[in-house]
Structures are given as structure tokens and as C-alpha cells.
């Protein structure tokens, strides 16, 4: 079992000069373009000392995350399950990591920094969209400290964007079916159709 950095490093060669040099303290033009085309990102947060870490997806039309400037990202908080795992973590510990993914692109943009939760109208109104009846309750303002483009090997291995790698319909039961198996029908009372209708209503309120 590996229990020290020294022992760990014996298993791997040193990182290349290129892999170290590509880490920036800001978002350059290529990175800003990546964010503008990303419909999906994953937020990592830490929370209270000793608590478990959390990773949570966020999605929207390409450009749903705004680049305010080369050191600032704005991520609208859309409707979810109201557990607020990420947001409560960020209140306790502002450190945040963000992965941006673009369909068809095997590279991944990684951004690390600190976050503030902004509920002022100057922030939420930035995300007013035609047809939307609801603004985000708040915006996650990320102060960028590290940013770099991750090599494509992970997504190439996974064949994430390859249509032939898609799981066949019916391989998994529906979310409702899985939750009913876990929790029982007394807790999970809605049908698959009712759940889908609820999601559609929530997305329509966001103009999607």
C-alpha cells in the first residue's frame, strides 16, 4: 500500500515540462472559448472539515456558464432536488473545482479556485432568458486561481462521444423504479410519466 508521496512517485515518471507549463492562473482565449461551448460542467466542493467531498453536475445550453473576465466565472444555480449539497459546502469552505465538457471534444477544461454565492440582482439578472419565468435563486461566482486543459486520454478510453458506445435503452430501469426499489412505493409515489412531466415544467420555467 502506498502511504507516502515518495513511494507514489517511484511508480510514475516525472510530469513533463509541457504538462506543468500549461497550468495558468487565468482563463486565456482558448479556455474562454471552451467554456462558451460547454453545455455541461461538474462542480467539486469540500464542505466542513472532515466531511465527505461532493461532485455535482450542472447543465444548460452552451454558454450557460458566463465568463465575466479572465479570472471570474459565473455559474447560475438551476432548480434541483433542494438538498443544496454543493451550496452548503461552499458556504462552509469556498474552495471549488470545475470540469467543463464539450460534446465531441475529448479534452476537458479544469478550473480550480474559490467561490462566492451571489444573490444580488446584478448577478441573477444576467441569466434572464426569453421565455423564462424564473431567474436563478443565486449565482456561483468562481474566482479562478488555476486553469488548464486536461489531456484527452480519459475520454478517448471511455469512448464517451462514440454513438456505438451508448448503453442500449432498457439496460437500466427508470430512476423512479430504482428509487422505489431503494425507498419503497410509500415514499416514491409518482409514476415515470408524472416525473417526466414535472421535469418538463421545471425546465420550461427556465426557458429550456
Protein backbone atom coordinates (compact mmCIF):
# COMPACT_ATOMS: atom_id res chain seq x y z
CA UNK A 1 0.00 0.00 0.00
CA UNK A 2 1.27 3.47 -0.89
CA UNK A 3 1.47 5.76 2.13
CA UNK A 4 3.90 8.49 1.09
CA UNK A 5 4.48 10.82 -1.83
CA UNK A 6 7.97 9.38 -2.19
CA UNK A 7 6.64 5.85 -2.61
CA UNK A 8 3.99 7.08 -5.01
CA UNK A 9 6.50 8.90 -7.19
CA UNK A 10 8.55 5.72 -7.58
CA UNK A 11 5.71 4.24 -9.62
CA UNK A 12 5.48 7.08 -12.15
CA UNK A 13 7.83 9.19 -14.27
CA UNK A 14 8.03 12.90 -13.60
CA UNK A 15 5.41 15.12 -15.19
CA UNK A 16 6.57 16.67 -18.45
CA UNK A 17 7.52 20.31 -18.69
CA UNK A 18 4.56 20.78 -21.02
CA UNK A 19 2.04 19.38 -18.54
CA UNK A 20 3.31 21.70 -15.83
CA UNK A 21 3.59 24.79 -18.01
CA UNK A 22 0.02 24.57 -19.33
CA UNK A 23 -1.44 25.44 -15.93
CA UNK A 24 -2.41 29.12 -15.93
CA UNK A 25 -3.73 31.46 -13.26
CA UNK A 26 -6.42 32.81 -15.59
CA UNK A 27 -8.65 31.82 -18.48
CA UNK A 28 -6.95 32.52 -21.79
CA UNK A 29 -8.83 32.92 -25.07
CA UNK A 30 -8.88 29.18 -25.82
CA UNK A 31 -10.24 28.40 -22.35
CA UNK A 32 -12.92 31.09 -22.58
CA UNK A 33 -13.99 29.63 -25.92
CA UNK A 34 -14.15 26.17 -24.30
CA UNK A 35 -16.47 27.48 -21.57
CA UNK A 36 -18.67 29.20 -24.17
CA UNK A 37 -19.23 25.85 -25.93
CA UNK A 38 -19.69 23.68 -22.82
CA UNK A 39 -23.25 22.56 -22.01
CA UNK A 40 -22.05 20.54 -19.02
CA UNK A 41 -19.76 21.04 -16.06
CA UNK A 42 -19.13 19.20 -12.80
CA UNK A 43 -18.59 21.10 -9.54
CA UNK A 44 -16.42 19.67 -6.77
CA UNK A 45 -16.72 21.05 -3.24
CA UNK A 46 -15.39 20.16 0.19
CA UNK A 47 -17.63 21.48 2.93
CA UNK A 48 -16.97 21.24 6.65
CA UNK A 49 -13.70 19.86 7.95
CA UNK A 50 -13.74 16.09 7.98
CA UNK A 51 -16.87 15.85 5.85
CA UNK A 52 -17.05 13.90 2.64
CA UNK A 53 -16.33 15.61 -0.67
CA UNK A 54 -19.04 16.14 -3.26
CA UNK A 55 -19.21 16.32 -7.06
CA UNK A 56 -22.35 17.62 -8.74
CA UNK A 57 -23.22 18.12 -12.44
CA UNK A 58 -24.59 21.37 -13.84
CA UNK A 59 -26.01 21.70 -17.35
CA UNK A 60 -27.60 24.13 -19.75
CA UNK A 61 -27.36 25.44 -23.29
CA UNK A 62 -23.77 26.08 -24.45
CA UNK A 63 -22.65 29.28 -22.76
CA UNK A 64 -24.87 28.83 -19.71
CA UNK A 65 -21.72 29.49 -17.65
CA UNK A 66 -20.60 33.05 -18.24
CA UNK A 67 -17.01 34.30 -18.29
CA UNK A 68 -17.15 37.70 -16.59
CA UNK A 69 -13.43 38.22 -17.11
CA UNK A 70 -10.28 36.13 -17.37
CA UNK A 71 -10.36 35.36 -13.64
CA UNK A 72 -14.11 35.15 -12.98
CA UNK A 73 -16.76 32.57 -13.90
CA UNK A 74 -20.49 32.91 -13.19
CA UNK A 75 -22.49 29.67 -12.81
CA UNK A 76 -26.27 30.01 -12.41
CA UNK A 77 -27.81 27.66 -9.88
CA UNK A 78 -30.72 25.94 -11.60
CA UNK A 79 -33.57 24.07 -9.94
CA UNK A 80 -32.59 20.74 -8.42
CA UNK A 81 -33.51 18.48 -5.53
CA UNK A 82 -33.00 21.25 -2.93
CA UNK A 83 -30.51 19.19 -0.92
CA UNK A 84 -28.08 22.10 -1.57
CA UNK A 85 -25.05 19.86 -1.02
CA UNK A 86 -22.74 21.98 -3.18
CA UNK A 87 -24.05 25.32 -1.93
CA UNK A 88 -23.86 24.38 1.75
CA UNK A 89 -20.33 23.10 1.16
CA UNK A 90 -19.31 26.40 -0.42
CA UNK A 91 -20.70 28.39 2.48
CA UNK A 92 -18.51 26.36 4.82
CA UNK A 93 -15.47 26.12 2.51
CA UNK A 94 -15.20 28.36 -0.59
CA UNK A 95 -12.76 26.10 -2.45
CA UNK A 96 -14.19 24.78 -5.70
CA UNK A 97 -13.11 22.68 -8.68
CA UNK A 98 -14.92 22.73 -12.02
CA UNK A 99 -14.65 20.36 -15.00
CA UNK A 100 -16.04 21.60 -18.33
CA UNK A 101 -17.01 19.14 -21.06
CA UNK A 102 -17.94 19.79 -24.69
CA UNK A 103 -19.71 17.02 -26.65
CA UNK A 104 -17.45 15.64 -29.36
CA UNK A 105 -14.31 17.08 -27.75
CA UNK A 106 -12.10 14.70 -25.77
CA UNK A 107 -10.16 17.40 -23.94
CA UNK A 108 -11.51 18.64 -20.59
CA UNK A 109 -11.04 22.09 -19.05
CA UNK A 110 -10.21 22.02 -15.35
CA UNK A 111 -10.65 25.15 -13.24
CA UNK A 112 -9.82 25.49 -9.54
CA UNK A 113 -10.42 28.47 -7.30
CA UNK A 114 -12.75 29.88 -4.69
CA UNK A 115 -16.46 30.65 -4.84
CA UNK A 116 -18.95 33.15 -3.50
CA UNK A 117 -22.73 32.79 -3.62
CA UNK A 118 -24.23 35.92 -5.17
CA UNK A 119 -27.97 36.56 -4.90
CA UNK A 120 -27.85 40.23 -5.91
CA UNK A 121 -29.97 41.23 -8.90
CA UNK A 122 -26.83 42.38 -10.72
CA UNK A 123 -25.83 38.72 -10.87
CA UNK A 124 -29.13 36.87 -11.23
CA UNK A 125 -30.49 39.23 -13.90
CA UNK A 126 -27.55 38.34 -16.15
CA UNK A 127 -29.26 34.99 -16.67
CA UNK A 128 -32.68 36.25 -17.72
CA UNK A 129 -33.61 34.41 -20.92
CA UNK A 130 -36.55 34.73 -23.33
CA UNK A 131 -39.44 32.54 -22.26
CA UNK A 132 -38.14 32.01 -18.74
CA UNK A 133 -40.44 32.75 -15.84
CA UNK A 134 -37.84 32.07 -13.18
CA UNK A 135 -34.40 33.51 -12.51
CA UNK A 136 -31.75 31.52 -10.66
CA UNK A 137 -32.00 32.00 -6.90
CA UNK A 138 -28.29 32.71 -6.88
CA UNK A 139 -25.14 32.63 -8.99
CA UNK A 140 -21.90 30.88 -8.05
CA UNK A 141 -19.10 33.37 -8.66
CA UNK A 142 -15.82 31.49 -9.16
CA UNK A 143 -12.54 33.32 -8.70
CA UNK A 144 -10.12 31.42 -10.93
CA UNK A 145 -6.75 30.52 -9.44
CA UNK A 146 -5.75 27.57 -11.62
CA UNK A 147 -6.93 26.60 -15.10
CA UNK A 148 -5.62 24.03 -17.54
CA UNK A 149 -6.69 21.83 -20.41
CA UNK A 150 -6.62 18.17 -19.45
CA UNK A 151 -5.29 15.67 -21.97
CA UNK A 152 -7.93 13.64 -23.89
CA UNK A 153 -6.88 10.12 -22.93
CA UNK A 154 -9.59 9.56 -20.29
CA UNK A 155 -12.46 10.39 -22.65
CA UNK A 156 -10.74 8.55 -25.51
CA UNK A 157 -10.55 5.43 -23.36
CA UNK A 158 -14.18 5.80 -22.33
CA UNK A 159 -15.39 6.49 -25.89
CA UNK A 160 -17.87 8.90 -24.32
CA UNK A 161 -18.90 10.58 -27.57
CA UNK A 162 -18.92 7.42 -29.71
CA UNK A 163 -22.56 6.60 -30.60
CA UNK A 164 -21.74 2.89 -30.67
CA UNK A 165 -20.69 3.04 -27.02
CA UNK A 166 -24.11 4.21 -25.84
CA UNK A 167 -25.93 1.93 -23.43
CA UNK A 168 -28.97 0.33 -25.04
CA UNK A 169 -32.39 1.59 -23.96
CA UNK A 170 -33.77 -0.62 -21.20
CA UNK A 171 -30.37 -1.60 -19.82
CA UNK A 172 -31.25 0.23 -16.63
CA UNK A 173 -34.66 0.66 -15.02
CA UNK A 174 -36.01 4.21 -14.72
CA UNK A 175 -34.90 6.48 -11.90
CA UNK A 176 -38.32 6.10 -10.31
CA UNK A 177 -38.10 2.31 -10.45
CA UNK A 178 -34.66 2.35 -8.84
CA UNK A 179 -35.81 4.75 -6.12
CA UNK A 180 -38.90 2.68 -5.41
CA UNK A 181 -36.68 -0.37 -5.01
CA UNK A 182 -34.47 1.55 -2.57
CA UNK A 183 -37.09 3.51 -0.64
CA UNK A 184 -40.44 1.86 -1.22
CA UNK A 185 -43.56 2.98 -3.04
CA UNK A 186 -44.86 4.78 0.04
CA UNK A 187 -42.11 7.40 -0.43
CA UNK A 188 -41.77 7.37 -4.21
CA UNK A 189 -45.38 7.80 -5.24
CA UNK A 190 -45.24 9.43 -8.68
CA UNK A 191 -45.18 7.47 -11.93
CA UNK A 192 -42.45 7.76 -14.56
CA UNK A 193 -44.82 9.89 -16.64
CA UNK A 194 -45.53 12.22 -13.72
CA UNK A 195 -41.82 12.59 -13.01
CA UNK A 196 -41.11 13.41 -16.67
CA UNK A 197 -43.91 16.00 -16.67
CA UNK A 198 -42.50 17.59 -13.52
CA UNK A 199 -39.05 17.87 -15.11
CA UNK A 200 -40.54 19.42 -18.25
CA UNK A 201 -42.41 22.01 -16.20
CA UNK A 202 -39.29 22.96 -14.25
CA UNK A 203 -37.20 23.27 -17.43
CA UNK A 204 -39.90 25.31 -19.16
CA UNK A 205 -39.80 27.80 -16.28
CA UNK A 206 -36.11 28.23 -17.02
CA UNK A 207 -36.83 28.87 -20.69
CA UNK A 208 -35.47 25.50 -21.82
